[in-house]
C-alpha atoms as a PDB file:
ATOM      1  CA  UNK A   1      37.472  -4.474 -32.116  1.00  0.00           C
ATOM      2  CA  UNK A   2      40.256  -1.908 -32.575  1.00  0.00           C
ATOM      3  CA  UNK A   3      42.019  -0.151 -29.759  1.00  0.00           C
ATOM      4  CA  UNK A   4      40.409   3.164 -30.709  1.00  0.00           C
ATOM      5  CA  UNK A   5      36.834   1.901 -30.562  1.00  0.00           C
ATOM      6  CA  UNK A   6      34.690   4.087 -28.300  1.00  0.00           C
ATOM      7  CA  UNK A   7      33.615   2.811 -24.928  1.00  0.00           C
ATOM      8  CA  UNK A   8      30.045   1.401 -25.104  1.00  0.00           C
ATOM      9  CA  UNK A   9      27.499   3.951 -23.895  1.00  0.00           C
ATOM     10  CA  UNK A  10      25.613   1.376 -21.847  1.00  0.00           C
ATOM     11  CA  UNK A  11      25.902  -2.168 -20.550  1.00  0.00           C
ATOM     12  CA  UNK A  12      23.122  -4.635 -19.806  1.00  0.00           C
ATOM     13  CA  UNK A  13      23.800  -7.176 -17.047  1.00  0.00           C
ATOM     14  CA  UNK A  14      21.341 -10.011 -16.526  1.00  0.00           C
ATOM     15  CA  UNK A  15      21.233 -10.280 -12.746  1.00  0.00           C
ATOM     16  CA  UNK A  16      18.470 -12.879 -12.394  1.00  0.00           C
ATOM     17  CA  UNK A  17      16.171 -14.943 -14.588  1.00  0.00           C
ATOM     18  CA  UNK A  18      13.998 -11.931 -15.396  1.00  0.00           C
ATOM     19  CA  UNK A  19      15.843  -8.804 -14.268  1.00  0.00           C
ATOM     20  CA  UNK A  20      18.314  -6.809 -16.332  1.00  0.00           C
ATOM     21  CA  UNK A  21      20.508  -4.025 -14.916  1.00  0.00           C
ATOM     22  CA  UNK A  22      21.243  -1.255 -17.418  1.00  0.00           C
ATOM     23  CA  UNK A  23      24.386   0.602 -16.410  1.00  0.00           C
ATOM     24  CA  UNK A  24      25.396   3.946 -17.966  1.00  0.00           C
ATOM     25  CA  UNK A  25      28.066   6.478 -17.103  1.00  0.00           C
ATOM     26  CA  UNK A  26      25.614   8.781 -15.362  1.00  0.00           C
ATOM     27  CA  UNK A  27      22.631   6.750 -14.130  1.00  0.00           C
ATOM     28  CA  UNK A  28      21.164   3.256 -14.197  1.00  0.00           C
ATOM     29  CA  UNK A  29      17.765   1.681 -14.750  1.00  0.00           C
ATOM     30  CA  UNK A  30      16.330  -1.814 -14.412  1.00  0.00           C
ATOM     31  CA  UNK A  31      14.140  -3.888 -16.729  1.00  0.00           C
ATOM     32  CA  UNK A  32      11.968  -6.773 -15.574  1.00  0.00           C
ATOM     33  CA  UNK A  33      11.002  -8.963 -18.546  1.00  0.00           C
ATOM     34  CA  UNK A  34       8.819 -11.949 -17.718  1.00  0.00           C
ATOM     35  CA  UNK A  35       5.830 -13.884 -19.064  1.00  0.00           C
ATOM     36  CA  UNK A  36       3.534 -11.438 -17.252  1.00  0.00           C
ATOM     37  CA  UNK A  37       4.968  -8.405 -19.053  1.00  0.00           C
ATOM     38  CA  UNK A  38       7.692  -5.790 -18.894  1.00  0.00           C
ATOM     39  CA  UNK A  39       8.333  -3.331 -16.065  1.00  0.00           C
ATOM     40  CA  UNK A  40      10.917  -0.574 -16.178  1.00  0.00           C
ATOM     41  CA  UNK A  41      12.292   0.805 -12.906  1.00  0.00           C
ATOM     42  CA  UNK A  42      13.529   4.374 -13.468  1.00  0.00           C
ATOM     43  CA  UNK A  43      14.427   5.554 -16.943  1.00  0.00           C
ATOM     44  CA  UNK A  44      17.448   7.848 -17.249  1.00  0.00           C
ATOM     45  CA  UNK A  45      17.760  11.424 -18.473  1.00  0.00           C
ATOM     46  CA  UNK A  46      15.630  12.789 -21.327  1.00  0.00           C
ATOM     47  CA  UNK A  47      18.778  12.909 -23.452  1.00  0.00           C
ATOM     48  CA  UNK A  48      19.389   9.187 -22.877  1.00  0.00           C
ATOM     49  CA  UNK A  49      16.224   8.151 -24.674  1.00  0.00           C
ATOM     50  CA  UNK A  50      18.256   6.497 -27.439  1.00  0.00           C
ATOM     51  CA  UNK A  51      20.109   4.454 -24.802  1.00  0.00           C
ATOM     52  CA  UNK A  52      16.828   3.453 -23.183  1.00  0.00           C
ATOM     53  CA  UNK A  53      15.517   2.216 -26.523  1.00  0.00           C
ATOM     54  CA  UNK A  54      18.778   0.431 -27.286  1.00  0.00           C
ATOM     55  CA  UNK A  55      18.805  -1.276 -23.888  1.00  0.00           C
ATOM     56  CA  UNK A  56      15.245  -2.509 -24.376  1.00  0.00           C
ATOM     57  CA  UNK A  57      16.192  -3.786 -27.831  1.00  0.00           C
ATOM     58  CA  UNK A  58      19.174  -5.630 -26.342  1.00  0.00           C
ATOM     59  CA  UNK A  59      16.779  -7.441 -24.008  1.00  0.00           C
ATOM     60  CA  UNK A  60      14.416  -8.247 -26.876  1.00  0.00           C
ATOM     61  CA  UNK A  61      11.571  -5.801 -26.373  1.00  0.00           C
ATOM     62  CA  UNK A  62      10.363  -2.505 -27.780  1.00  0.00           C
ATOM     63  CA  UNK A  63       9.307   0.694 -25.998  1.00  0.00           C
ATOM     64  CA  UNK A  64       5.592   0.250 -26.687  1.00  0.00           C
ATOM     65  CA  UNK A  65       5.745  -3.182 -25.038  1.00  0.00           C
ATOM     66  CA  UNK A  66       6.677  -1.726 -21.631  1.00  0.00           C
ATOM     67  CA  UNK A  67       3.686  -2.398 -19.386  1.00  0.00           C
ATOM     68  CA  UNK A  68       4.613   0.006 -16.581  1.00  0.00           C
ATOM     69  CA  UNK A  69       7.347   2.244 -15.213  1.00  0.00           C
ATOM     70  CA  UNK A  70       8.101   2.354 -11.493  1.00  0.00           C
ATOM     71  CA  UNK A  71       9.814   5.543 -10.327  1.00  0.00           C
ATOM     72  CA  UNK A  72      12.019   5.429  -7.250  1.00  0.00           C
ATOM     73  CA  UNK A  73      12.017   9.238  -7.055  1.00  0.00           C
ATOM     74  CA  UNK A  74      11.229  12.282  -9.140  1.00  0.00           C
ATOM     75  CA  UNK A  75      14.627  13.552 -10.245  1.00  0.00           C
ATOM     76  CA  UNK A  76      15.525  14.430 -13.831  1.00  0.00           C
ATOM     77  CA  UNK A  77      17.989  11.550 -14.205  1.00  0.00           C
ATOM     78  CA  UNK A  78      15.320   8.996 -13.340  1.00  0.00           C
ATOM     79  CA  UNK A  79      12.270  10.575 -15.006  1.00  0.00           C
ATOM     80  CA  UNK A  80      13.306  11.430 -18.551  1.00  0.00           C
ATOM     81  CA  UNK A  81      12.459   8.170 -20.286  1.00  0.00           C
ATOM     82  CA  UNK A  82       9.270   7.711 -18.260  1.00  0.00           C
ATOM     83  CA  UNK A  83       8.000  11.122 -19.360  1.00  0.00           C
ATOM     84  CA  UNK A  84       8.615  10.161 -22.992  1.00  0.00           C
ATOM     85  CA  UNK A  85       7.000   6.727 -22.679  1.00  0.00           C
ATOM     86  CA  UNK A  86       3.925   8.172 -20.972  1.00  0.00           C
ATOM     87  CA  UNK A  87       3.529  10.908 -23.583  1.00  0.00           C
ATOM     88  CA  UNK A  88       4.310   8.785 -26.643  1.00  0.00           C
ATOM     89  CA  UNK A  89       2.684   5.453 -25.768  1.00  0.00           C
ATOM     90  CA  UNK A  90       0.453   6.187 -22.772  1.00  0.00           C
ATOM     91  CA  UNK A  91       2.632   3.903 -20.621  1.00  0.00           C
ATOM     92  CA  UNK A  92       1.457   3.679 -17.006  1.00  0.00           C
ATOM     93  CA  UNK A  93       3.896   5.329 -14.571  1.00  0.00           C
ATOM     94  CA  UNK A  94       3.773   4.697 -10.815  1.00  0.00           C
ATOM     95  CA  UNK A  95       5.390   6.250  -7.746  1.00  0.00           C
ATOM     96  CA  UNK A  96       4.672   6.239  -4.031  1.00  0.00           C
ATOM     97  CA  UNK A  97       1.835   8.554  -3.012  1.00  0.00           C
ATOM     98  CA  UNK A  98       4.289  10.843  -1.210  1.00  0.00           C
ATOM     99  CA  UNK A  99       6.494  11.028  -4.320  1.00  0.00           C
ATOM    100  CA  UNK A 100       3.736  11.839  -6.816  1.00  0.00           C
ATOM    101  CA  UNK A 101       4.228  15.645  -6.510  1.00  0.00           C
ATOM    102  CA  UNK A 102       7.936  15.224  -7.297  1.00  0.00           C
ATOM    103  CA  UNK A 103       7.133  13.148 -10.381  1.00  0.00           C
ATOM    104  CA  UNK A 104       4.510  15.654 -11.510  1.00  0.00           C
ATOM    105  CA  UNK A 105       7.092  18.379 -10.690  1.00  0.00           C
ATOM    106  CA  UNK A 106       4.598  20.415  -8.710  1.00  0.00           C
ATOM    107  CA  UNK A 107       7.205  19.888  -5.973  1.00  0.00           C
ATOM    108  CA  UNK A 108      10.935  20.014  -6.745  1.00  0.00           C
ATOM    109  CA  UNK A 109      13.291  18.443  -4.210  1.00  0.00           C
ATOM    110  CA  UNK A 110      16.345  18.435  -6.428  1.00  0.00           C
ATOM    111  CA  UNK A 111      19.702  20.201  -6.328  1.00  0.00           C
ATOM    112  CA  UNK A 112      19.579  23.299  -8.510  1.00  0.00           C
ATOM    113  CA  UNK A 113      22.234  25.316 -10.379  1.00  0.00           C
ATOM    114  CA  UNK A 114      23.026  27.427  -7.296  1.00  0.00           C
ATOM    115  CA  UNK A 115      23.666  24.291  -5.222  1.00  0.00           C
ATOM    116  CA  UNK A 116      25.998  22.901  -7.855  1.00  0.00           C
ATOM    117  CA  UNK A 117      27.796  26.226  -8.296  1.00  0.00           C
ATOM    118  CA  UNK A 118      28.528  26.465  -4.556  1.00  0.00           C
ATOM    119  CA  UNK A 119      30.234  23.074  -4.758  1.00  0.00           C
ATOM    120  CA  UNK A 120      31.923  23.465  -8.145  1.00  0.00           C
ATOM    121  CA  UNK A 121      35.341  23.638  -6.469  1.00  0.00           C
ATOM    122  CA  UNK A 122      35.041  20.041  -5.286  1.00  0.00           C
ATOM    123  CA  UNK A 123      36.826  17.425  -7.426  1.00  0.00           C
ATOM    124  CA  UNK A 124      34.532  16.019 -10.106  1.00  0.00           C
ATOM    125  CA  UNK A 125      31.582  18.355  -9.590  1.00  0.00           C
ATOM    126  CA  UNK A 126      32.237  20.814 -12.421  1.00  0.00           C
ATOM    127  CA  UNK A 127      32.983  18.045 -14.935  1.00  0.00           C
ATOM    128  CA  UNK A 128      29.857  16.161 -13.883  1.00  0.00           C
ATOM    129  CA  UNK A 129      27.706  19.297 -14.204  1.00  0.00           C
ATOM    130  CA  UNK A 130      29.029  20.086 -17.685  1.00  0.00           C
ATOM    131  CA  UNK A 131      28.496  16.490 -18.812  1.00  0.00           C
ATOM    132  CA  UNK A 132      24.827  16.322 -17.798  1.00  0.00           C
ATOM    133  CA  UNK A 133      23.731  19.616 -19.379  1.00  0.00           C
ATOM    134  CA  UNK A 134      23.098  18.095 -22.841  1.00  0.00           C
ATOM    135  CA  UNK A 135      21.321  15.130 -21.243  1.00  0.00           C
ATOM    136  CA  UNK A 136      18.721  17.500 -19.782  1.00  0.00           C
ATOM    137  CA  UNK A 137      17.767  18.716 -23.286  1.00  0.00           C
ATOM    138  CA  UNK A 138      16.804  22.063 -21.811  1.00  0.00           C
ATOM    139  CA  UNK A 139      14.304  20.356 -19.488  1.00  0.00           C
ATOM    140  CA  UNK A 140      15.770  20.216 -15.987  1.00  0.00           C
ATOM    141  CA  UNK A 141      12.343  19.253 -14.632  1.00  0.00           C
ATOM    142  CA  UNK A 142      10.727  16.617 -16.875  1.00  0.00           C
ATOM    143  CA  UNK A 143       7.295  15.748 -15.543  1.00  0.00           C
ATOM    144  CA  UNK A 144       4.801  12.906 -15.728  1.00  0.00           C
ATOM    145  CA  UNK A 145       1.396  14.523 -15.059  1.00  0.00           C
ATOM    146  CA  UNK A 146      -0.352  11.136 -15.390  1.00  0.00           C
ATOM    147  CA  UNK A 147       1.688   9.385 -12.676  1.00  0.00           C
ATOM    148  CA  UNK A 148      -0.372   7.017 -10.541  1.00  0.00           C
ATOM    149  CA  UNK A 149       0.161   6.502  -6.780  1.00  0.00           C
ATOM    150  CA  UNK A 150       1.175   3.156  -5.361  1.00  0.00           C
ATOM    151  CA  UNK A 151      -0.696   1.930  -2.246  1.00  0.00           C
ATOM    152  CA  UNK A 152       0.001   4.419   0.556  1.00  0.00           C
ATOM    153  CA  UNK A 153       1.236   1.790   3.022  1.00  0.00           C
ATOM    154  CA  UNK A 154       3.553   0.084   0.599  1.00  0.00           C
ATOM    155  CA  UNK A 155       3.065  -3.531  -0.328  1.00  0.00           C
ATOM    156  CA  UNK A 156       3.040  -5.280  -3.663  1.00  0.00           C
ATOM    157  CA  UNK A 157       2.950  -3.148  -6.806  1.00  0.00           C
ATOM    158  CA  UNK A 158       0.345  -4.389  -9.291  1.00  0.00           C
ATOM    159  CA  UNK A 159       2.732  -4.478 -12.259  1.00  0.00           C
ATOM    160  CA  UNK A 160       4.692  -7.270 -13.970  1.00  0.00           C
ATOM    161  CA  UNK A 161       7.153  -8.740 -11.486  1.00  0.00           C
ATOM    162  CA  UNK A 162       4.975  -7.572  -8.572  1.00  0.00           C
ATOM    163  CA  UNK A 163       7.802  -6.083  -6.472  1.00  0.00           C
ATOM    164  CA  UNK A 164       7.318  -4.935  -2.908  1.00  0.00           C
ATOM    165  CA  UNK A 165       7.414  -1.131  -2.615  1.00  0.00           C
ATOM    166  CA  UNK A 166       9.293   0.172   0.446  1.00  0.00           C
ATOM    167  CA  UNK A 167       9.411   3.909   1.134  1.00  0.00           C
ATOM    168  CA  UNK A 168      12.932   4.944   2.181  1.00  0.00           C
ATOM    169  CA  UNK A 169      12.583   8.707   2.389  1.00  0.00           C
ATOM    170  CA  UNK A 170      15.194  11.406   2.834  1.00  0.00           C
ATOM    171  CA  UNK A 171      16.685  11.637  -0.623  1.00  0.00           C
ATOM    172  CA  UNK A 172      13.185  12.860  -1.474  1.00  0.00           C
ATOM    173  CA  UNK A 173      10.021  12.782   0.613  1.00  0.00           C
ATOM    174  CA  UNK A 174       8.650   9.631  -0.985  1.00  0.00           C
ATOM    175  CA  UNK A 175      11.745   7.878  -2.319  1.00  0.00           C
ATOM    176  CA  UNK A 176      10.884   4.208  -2.803  1.00  0.00           C
ATOM    177  CA  UNK A 177      12.894   1.030  -3.315  1.00  0.00           C
ATOM    178  CA  UNK A 178      11.506  -2.068  -5.004  1.00  0.00           C
ATOM    179  CA  UNK A 179      12.144  -5.605  -3.752  1.00  0.00           C
ATOM    180  CA  UNK A 180      11.779  -8.319  -6.381  1.00  0.00           C
ATOM    181  CA  UNK A 181      11.711 -11.070  -3.801  1.00  0.00           C
ATOM    182  CA  UNK A 182      11.218 -13.921  -6.271  1.00  0.00           C
ATOM    183  CA  UNK A 183      14.395 -12.795  -8.034  1.00  0.00           C
ATOM    184  CA  UNK A 184      16.381 -12.060  -4.864  1.00  0.00           C
ATOM    185  CA  UNK A 185      17.006  -8.503  -6.067  1.00  0.00           C
ATOM    186  CA  UNK A 186      16.594  -5.124  -4.366  1.00  0.00           C
ATOM    187  CA  UNK A 187      16.394  -2.015  -6.574  1.00  0.00           C
ATOM    188  CA  UNK A 188      17.381   0.930  -4.362  1.00  0.00           C
ATOM    189  CA  UNK A 189      17.424   3.967  -6.650  1.00  0.00           C
ATOM    190  CA  UNK A 190      19.320   6.692  -4.799  1.00  0.00           C
ATOM    191  CA  UNK A 191      18.637   5.428  -1.268  1.00  0.00           C
ATOM    192  CA  UNK A 192      22.335   4.648  -1.542  1.00  0.00           C
ATOM    193  CA  UNK A 193      24.752   4.265  -4.444  1.00  0.00           C
ATOM    194  CA  UNK A 194      28.024   2.463  -5.100  1.00  0.00           C
ATOM    195  CA  UNK A 195      29.716   5.232  -7.094  1.00  0.00           C
ATOM    196  CA  UNK A 196      29.031   8.757  -8.344  1.00  0.00           C
ATOM    197  CA  UNK A 197      31.195  11.102 -10.383  1.00  0.00           C
ATOM    198  CA  UNK A 198      31.055  13.750  -7.652  1.00  0.00           C
ATOM    199  CA  UNK A 199      32.351  11.404  -4.940  1.00  0.00           C
ATOM    200  CA  UNK A 200      35.885  10.131  -4.327  1.00  0.00           C
ATOM    201  CA  UNK A 201      34.463   7.013  -2.647  1.00  0.00           C
ATOM    202  CA  UNK A 202      33.636   3.619  -4.090  1.00  0.00           C
ATOM    203  CA  UNK A 203      31.268   1.083  -2.593  1.00  0.00           C
ATOM    204  CA  UNK A 204      27.928   1.589  -0.812  1.00  0.00           C
ATOM    205  CA  UNK A 205      27.496   5.207   0.309  1.00  0.00           C
ATOM    206  CA  UNK A 206      25.002   8.034   0.402  1.00  0.00           C
ATOM    207  CA  UNK A 207      25.159  10.610  -2.355  1.00  0.00           C
ATOM    208  CA  UNK A 208      26.710  13.961  -1.348  1.00  0.00           C
ATOM    209  CA  UNK A 209      24.496  15.929   1.019  1.00  0.00           C
ATOM    210  CA  UNK A 210      23.568  18.565  -1.548  1.00  0.00           C
ATOM    211  CA  UNK A 211      21.601  15.975  -3.513  1.00  0.00           C
ATOM    212  CA  UNK A 212      19.349  15.015  -0.583  1.00  0.00           C
ATOM    213  CA  UNK A 213      16.214  16.714   0.632  1.00  0.00           C
ATOM    214  CA  UNK A 214      17.090  15.545   4.175  1.00  0.00           C
ATOM    215  CA  UNK A 215      20.422  13.733   4.419  1.00  0.00           C
ATOM    216  CA  UNK A 216      19.911  12.760   8.075  1.00  0.00           C
ATOM    217  CA  UNK A 217      16.582  11.200   7.257  1.00  0.00           C
ATOM    218  CA  UNK A 218      18.117   9.414   4.267  1.00  0.00           C
ATOM    219  CA  UNK A 219      20.745   7.835   6.514  1.00  0.00           C
ATOM    220  CA  UNK A 220      18.265   6.814   9.221  1.00  0.00           C
ATOM    221  CA  UNK A 221      15.771   5.390   6.727  1.00  0.00           C
ATOM    222  CA  UNK A 222      18.332   2.879   5.438  1.00  0.00           C
ATOM    223  CA  UNK A 223      17.514   0.710   8.451  1.00  0.00           C
ATOM    224  CA  UNK A 224      14.243  -0.229   6.748  1.00  0.00           C
ATOM    225  CA  UNK A 225      16.260  -2.209   4.221  1.00  0.00           C
ATOM    226  CA  UNK A 226      18.245  -4.342   6.680  1.00  0.00           C
ATOM    227  CA  UNK A 227      15.598  -7.123   6.844  1.00  0.00           C
ATOM    228  CA  UNK A 228      15.901  -7.715   3.100  1.00  0.00           C
ATOM    229  CA  UNK A 229      17.251 -11.131   2.156  1.00  0.00           C
ATOM    230  CA  UNK A 230      18.166 -10.001  -1.361  1.00  0.00           C
ATOM    231  CA  UNK A 231      21.580 -11.076  -2.617  1.00  0.00           C
ATOM    232  CA  UNK A 232      21.786  -8.530  -5.442  1.00  0.00           C
ATOM    233  CA  UNK A 233      21.362  -4.785  -4.909  1.00  0.00           C
ATOM    234  CA  UNK A 234      20.940  -2.453  -7.886  1.00  0.00           C
ATOM    235  CA  UNK A 235      21.647   1.248  -7.247  1.00  0.00           C
ATOM    236  CA  UNK A 236      20.761   4.245  -9.379  1.00  0.00           C
ATOM    237  CA  UNK A 237      24.459   5.094  -9.731  1.00  0.00           C
ATOM    238  CA  UNK A 238      27.456   2.773  -9.797  1.00  0.00           C
ATOM    239  CA  UNK A 239      27.892  -0.951 -10.116  1.00  0.00           C
ATOM    240  CA  UNK A 240      25.601  -3.664  -8.804  1.00  0.00           C
ATOM    241  CA  UNK A 241      26.311  -4.938  -5.296  1.00  0.00           C
ATOM    242  CA  UNK A 242      26.543  -8.720  -5.265  1.00  0.00           C
ATOM    243  CA  UNK A 243      26.114  -9.971  -1.720  1.00  0.00           C
ATOM    244  CA  UNK A 244      23.741  -9.638   1.238  1.00  0.00           C
ATOM    245  CA  UNK A 245      21.666  -6.475   1.143  1.00  0.00           C
ATOM    246  CA  UNK A 246      22.092  -5.893   4.880  1.00  0.00           C
ATOM    247  CA  UNK A 247      25.874  -5.763   4.438  1.00  0.00           C
ATOM    248  CA  UNK A 248      25.500  -3.100   1.762  1.00  0.00           C
ATOM    249  CA  UNK A 249      23.156  -1.126   4.016  1.00  0.00           C
ATOM    250  CA  UNK A 250      25.636  -1.289   6.894  1.00  0.00           C
ATOM    251  CA  UNK A 251      28.492  -0.070   4.679  1.00  0.00           C
ATOM    252  CA  UNK A 252      26.375   2.786   3.312  1.00  0.00           C
ATOM    253  CA  UNK A 253      25.346   3.787   6.835  1.00  0.00           C
ATOM    254  CA  UNK A 254      28.953   3.774   8.008  1.00  0.00           C
ATOM    255  CA  UNK A 255      30.234   5.689   4.972  1.00  0.00           C
ATOM    256  CA  UNK A 256      27.473   8.284   5.114  1.00  0.00           C
ATOM    257  CA  UNK A 257      27.662  11.103   2.574  1.00  0.00           C
ATOM    258  CA  UNK A 258      31.126  11.989   1.191  1.00  0.00           C
ATOM    259  CA  UNK A 259      30.533  15.738   1.652  1.00  0.00           C
END
């Protein structure tokens, strides 16, 4: 490839026998592909639909073959593809019972334009905001009216891969992480991240405070993840963490939110 070739818009990392981590500049999603079916965890912005389809193709499956979508939380950068799959193919979409209103968008716990504008002076914020505008496709609040609630007390999700659902609230009221114990992988959404364009930090950390419904609760709720024995942690933003999940949790707790 020539030196002027554009940087690939996405990368698919196979992190276990059946789990694939799809990394993009702005947000990540995860694909479980096993003999029992295909489960997507989160789904990117509406304007990343072509990347979602391309990532599925890279794994060897097509959009209509997705059995279910698990949503960690109802923010635009995690809902866009799920809304399209549900509308186009009738794909089943699931979220924790407490998060259902956020996914239906009858409740919006998401930073708005005024929040971003107040912080536009911070390094990276303005460039990030400009970059995501086309990805929203004029729909800052994509919704999935047909979302189905997971069992209220957590437990195993009845979808391919059968991950354990663990509510780690604070980022939103019902933010949920998914533990694929058989694969040794923990999918944490935005419970913590390893990098974000609005943060000067790298490594496990909370997102900036403006992005959380309750940043104190988000920090305290991380303790629920310490018992995990996963050795791969997949965040909604940034690179995968390879190592003990409890170490990543400790680092995120210590780092807190960058601002």
